[in-house]
N, C-alpha and C. Protein backbone atom coordinates (compact mmCIF):
# COMPACT_ATOMS: atom_id res chain seq x y z
N MET A 1 112.02 92.59 108.12
CA MET A 1 110.73 92.70 107.50
C MET A 1 110.61 91.52 106.44
N THR A 2 109.39 90.65 106.54
CA THR A 2 109.27 89.78 105.58
C THR A 2 108.88 89.96 104.21
N TRP A 3 109.34 89.41 103.07
CA TRP A 3 109.18 89.66 101.81
C TRP A 3 107.94 88.94 101.55
N GLY A 4 107.24 89.05 100.63
CA GLY A 4 106.71 87.80 99.87
C GLY A 4 105.32 88.33 99.20
N LEU A 5 104.68 87.30 98.53
CA LEU A 5 103.44 87.86 97.77
C LEU A 5 102.26 86.88 98.73
N GLU A 6 101.09 87.12 98.68
CA GLU A 6 99.96 87.09 99.39
C GLU A 6 98.66 87.27 98.45
N ASP A 7 98.30 85.63 98.30
CA ASP A 7 97.20 85.39 97.08
C ASP A 7 97.20 86.30 95.86
N ALA A 8 98.36 86.22 95.37
CA ALA A 8 98.63 87.46 94.38
C ALA A 8 98.55 86.81 92.82
N SER A 9 97.92 87.61 92.19
CA SER A 9 97.47 86.93 90.59
C SER A 9 97.92 88.31 89.98
N VAL A 10 98.80 87.37 88.40
CA VAL A 10 99.14 88.53 87.73
C VAL A 10 98.70 88.00 86.19
N GLY A 11 98.23 89.01 85.21
CA GLY A 11 97.71 88.73 84.28
C GLY A 11 98.51 89.32 83.04
N PHE A 12 98.49 89.30 81.94
CA PHE A 12 98.70 90.06 80.59
C PHE A 12 97.67 89.77 79.85
N GLY A 13 97.01 90.86 79.72
CA GLY A 13 95.19 90.80 78.74
C GLY A 13 94.44 89.70 79.14
N SER A 14 94.30 88.64 78.62
CA SER A 14 93.31 87.35 79.01
C SER A 14 94.06 86.41 79.49
N ARG A 15 95.39 86.47 79.36
CA ARG A 15 96.49 85.18 80.09
C ARG A 15 96.33 85.52 81.22
N ILE A 16 96.52 84.43 82.01
CA ILE A 16 96.83 84.51 83.54
C ILE A 16 98.20 83.98 83.73
N ALA A 17 99.12 84.74 84.28
CA ALA A 17 100.19 84.25 84.39
C ALA A 17 100.63 83.65 85.92
N LEU A 18 99.82 83.95 86.77
CA LEU A 18 99.92 83.57 88.26
C LEU A 18 98.55 83.80 88.98
N GLU A 19 98.20 82.65 89.34
CA GLU A 19 96.86 82.92 90.32
C GLU A 19 96.79 82.06 91.40
N ALA A 20 96.64 83.59 92.47
CA ALA A 20 96.28 82.98 93.97
C ALA A 20 97.76 82.38 94.38
N VAL A 21 98.88 83.10 94.37
CA VAL A 21 100.10 82.46 94.93
C VAL A 21 100.50 82.96 96.14
N THR A 22 100.55 82.75 96.99
CA THR A 22 101.30 83.03 98.20
C THR A 22 103.13 82.28 98.59
N LEU A 23 103.81 83.53 98.50
CA LEU A 23 105.26 83.03 98.88
C LEU A 23 105.89 83.95 99.94
N PRO A 24 105.85 83.36 101.21
CA PRO A 24 106.97 84.37 102.23
C PRO A 24 108.42 83.97 101.82
N VAL A 25 108.86 85.21 102.06
CA VAL A 25 110.22 85.06 102.21
C VAL A 25 110.67 85.97 103.51
N LEU A 26 111.55 85.06 104.21
CA LEU A 26 111.73 85.54 105.48
C LEU A 26 113.58 85.99 105.52
N PRO A 27 113.59 86.95 106.40
CA PRO A 27 114.77 87.56 106.17
C PRO A 27 115.91 86.46 106.68
N GLY A 28 116.73 86.41 105.95
CA GLY A 28 118.06 85.57 106.25
C GLY A 28 118.20 84.32 105.61
N SER A 29 116.89 84.01 104.61
CA SER A 29 116.76 82.62 104.27
C SER A 29 117.11 82.54 102.47
N VAL A 30 117.17 81.70 102.15
CA VAL A 30 117.31 81.14 100.80
C VAL A 30 116.37 80.33 100.38
N SER A 31 116.05 80.96 99.10
CA SER A 31 114.35 80.52 98.78
C SER A 31 114.93 80.23 96.96
N VAL A 32 114.31 79.17 96.95
CA VAL A 32 114.47 78.50 95.56
C VAL A 32 112.79 78.49 94.60
N VAL A 33 113.06 78.79 93.80
CA VAL A 33 111.69 79.08 92.48
C VAL A 33 112.17 77.83 91.48
N ILE A 34 111.39 76.80 91.45
CA ILE A 34 111.58 75.93 90.30
C ILE A 34 110.43 75.80 89.53
N GLY A 35 110.38 75.59 88.13
CA GLY A 35 109.37 75.14 87.54
C GLY A 35 109.64 75.16 85.82
N GLY A 36 108.41 74.38 85.05
CA GLY A 36 109.29 74.49 83.60
C GLY A 36 109.00 75.69 82.82
N ASP A 37 109.39 75.50 81.59
CA ASP A 37 109.38 76.90 81.15
C ASP A 37 107.56 77.35 80.99
N GLY A 38 107.37 78.87 81.22
CA GLY A 38 106.45 79.48 81.00
C GLY A 38 105.49 79.08 82.24
N SER A 39 105.97 78.54 83.45
CA SER A 39 105.54 78.34 84.56
C SER A 39 105.04 79.70 85.28
N GLY A 40 105.76 80.58 85.20
CA GLY A 40 105.54 81.60 85.91
C GLY A 40 106.69 82.08 86.85
N LYS A 41 107.84 81.50 86.97
CA LYS A 41 108.73 81.64 87.50
C LYS A 41 109.35 83.26 87.32
N SER A 42 109.66 83.41 86.39
CA SER A 42 110.07 85.23 86.35
C SER A 42 108.91 86.27 86.60
N THR A 43 107.67 85.88 86.22
CA THR A 43 106.40 86.59 86.38
C THR A 43 106.43 86.88 87.99
N LEU A 44 106.61 85.75 88.98
CA LEU A 44 106.65 85.89 90.40
C LEU A 44 107.68 86.52 90.61
N LEU A 45 109.04 86.57 90.20
CA LEU A 45 110.08 87.42 90.67
C LEU A 45 110.00 88.95 90.27
N ARG A 46 109.26 89.18 89.22
CA ARG A 46 109.17 90.61 88.49
C ARG A 46 107.84 91.02 89.54
N ALA A 47 107.29 90.44 90.08
CA ALA A 47 106.07 90.89 90.71
C ALA A 47 106.25 91.14 92.33
N LEU A 48 107.31 90.19 92.83
CA LEU A 48 108.09 90.48 94.00
C LEU A 48 109.03 91.90 94.12
N VAL A 49 109.70 92.07 92.91
CA VAL A 49 110.44 93.14 93.12
C VAL A 49 109.72 94.66 92.53
N GLY A 50 108.20 94.07 92.34
CA GLY A 50 107.74 95.62 91.64
C GLY A 50 107.70 96.18 90.11
N LEU A 51 108.09 94.82 89.45
CA LEU A 51 108.18 95.59 87.82
C LEU A 51 106.87 94.83 87.07
N VAL A 52 105.94 94.15 87.70
CA VAL A 52 104.80 93.53 87.27
C VAL A 52 103.47 94.37 88.23
N GLY A 53 102.70 94.86 88.16
CA GLY A 53 101.59 95.14 89.18
C GLY A 53 100.70 93.71 88.96
N LEU A 54 99.86 93.59 90.24
CA LEU A 54 99.04 92.55 90.69
C LEU A 54 97.58 92.96 90.03
N ARG A 55 97.13 91.88 90.00
CA ARG A 55 95.61 92.09 89.61
C ARG A 55 94.61 92.30 91.10
N ARG A 56 95.55 91.14 91.54
CA ARG A 56 94.86 91.12 93.03
C ARG A 56 95.92 90.56 94.18
N GLY A 57 95.40 90.58 95.03
CA GLY A 57 96.75 90.33 95.92
C GLY A 57 97.37 91.59 96.78
N GLN A 58 98.54 90.73 97.58
CA GLN A 58 99.07 91.81 98.06
C GLN A 58 100.78 91.67 98.03
N VAL A 59 101.73 92.59 97.72
CA VAL A 59 103.06 92.12 97.51
C VAL A 59 103.90 93.08 98.87
N ARG A 60 104.80 92.58 99.62
CA ARG A 60 105.52 93.20 100.73
C ARG A 60 107.06 93.03 100.55
N ARG A 61 107.53 94.10 99.90
CA ARG A 61 108.93 94.13 99.66
C ARG A 61 109.79 95.41 100.35
N PRO A 62 110.87 95.70 100.46
CA PRO A 62 111.44 96.61 101.04
C PRO A 62 111.35 97.94 99.77
N ALA A 63 111.88 99.15 100.02
CA ALA A 63 111.65 100.29 99.30
C ALA A 63 112.30 99.99 98.10
N LYS A 64 112.18 100.41 97.12
CA LYS A 64 112.72 99.97 95.60
C LYS A 64 114.19 100.35 95.58
N ARG A 65 114.79 101.64 96.19
CA ARG A 65 115.87 101.72 95.98
C ARG A 65 116.85 100.39 97.12
N ASP A 66 116.23 99.74 97.69
CA ASP A 66 117.03 98.72 98.62
C ASP A 66 116.70 97.39 97.41
N VAL A 67 116.46 97.27 96.41
CA VAL A 67 116.13 95.99 95.74
C VAL A 67 117.00 95.64 94.44
N ALA A 68 117.49 95.11 94.23
CA ALA A 68 118.09 94.76 93.05
C ALA A 68 117.76 93.41 92.30
N TYR A 69 117.27 93.83 90.58
CA TYR A 69 117.09 92.50 90.01
C TYR A 69 118.05 92.66 88.87
N VAL A 70 118.41 91.12 88.29
CA VAL A 70 119.04 91.25 87.51
C VAL A 70 118.50 90.34 86.40
N PRO A 71 117.93 90.91 85.47
CA PRO A 71 117.17 89.78 84.74
C PRO A 71 118.26 88.75 84.16
N ALA A 72 117.83 87.28 83.72
CA ALA A 72 118.42 86.38 83.32
C ALA A 72 119.52 86.59 81.90
N TRP A 73 118.77 87.13 80.74
CA TRP A 73 119.49 87.61 79.94
C TRP A 73 120.50 88.31 79.86
N ARG A 74 120.54 89.24 80.94
CA ARG A 74 121.62 90.22 81.31
C ARG A 74 122.69 89.36 81.64
N ILE A 75 122.34 88.10 82.50
CA ILE A 75 123.87 87.29 82.96
C ILE A 75 124.36 86.62 81.96
N ARG A 76 123.73 86.10 81.03
CA ARG A 76 124.19 85.40 79.77
C ARG A 76 124.76 86.36 78.82
N THR A 77 124.48 87.34 78.65
CA THR A 77 125.09 88.22 77.66
C THR A 77 126.29 89.24 78.06
N THR A 78 126.39 89.16 79.23
CA THR A 78 127.64 89.83 79.80
C THR A 78 128.68 88.86 80.34
N PRO A 79 129.68 89.60 79.29
CA PRO A 79 131.04 88.86 79.47
C PRO A 79 131.56 89.09 81.03
N MET A 80 131.91 87.87 81.77
CA MET A 80 132.22 87.78 82.89
C MET A 80 133.54 86.97 82.77
N THR A 81 134.94 87.63 83.48
CA THR A 81 136.01 86.59 83.44
C THR A 81 136.23 86.04 85.08
N ILE A 82 136.95 85.48 84.91
CA ILE A 82 137.19 84.45 86.54
C ILE A 82 137.83 85.58 87.13
N SER A 83 138.42 86.46 87.08
CA SER A 83 138.74 87.92 88.04
C SER A 83 137.48 88.79 88.53
N SER A 84 136.47 88.39 87.58
CA SER A 84 135.45 89.51 88.16
C SER A 84 134.71 89.01 88.52
N SER A 85 134.41 87.53 88.91
CA SER A 85 133.42 86.54 89.00
C SER A 85 133.52 86.79 90.80
N PRO A 86 132.15 86.91 91.29
CA PRO A 86 131.90 87.34 92.59
C PRO A 86 132.12 86.20 93.68
N THR A 87 132.82 84.86 93.12
CA THR A 87 132.70 83.79 93.96
C THR A 87 133.94 83.59 93.90
N THR A 88 135.19 84.64 93.32
CA THR A 88 136.45 84.48 93.62
C THR A 88 137.21 85.14 94.84
N PRO A 89 137.68 84.46 95.48
CA PRO A 89 138.27 85.09 96.53
C PRO A 89 139.39 86.12 96.33
């Protein structure tokens, strides 16, 4: 299954956060979202996993039970030791 957004727009009140964004996410690929503060990176990821609704466009994703999303603030505030790091062999 290919994940992705197609012609997706998201807004909050009168504020447009994303407009006409298309992002295909191919199985087995690594994708990077880069942009400045307030450019819509978090909103794009939230739309992709179903945490915010679209004003228009389509989103394709697996069932919510098969999707994990950890917001950045959660990572920064969760203590982690070297022994609990996921990159430790």
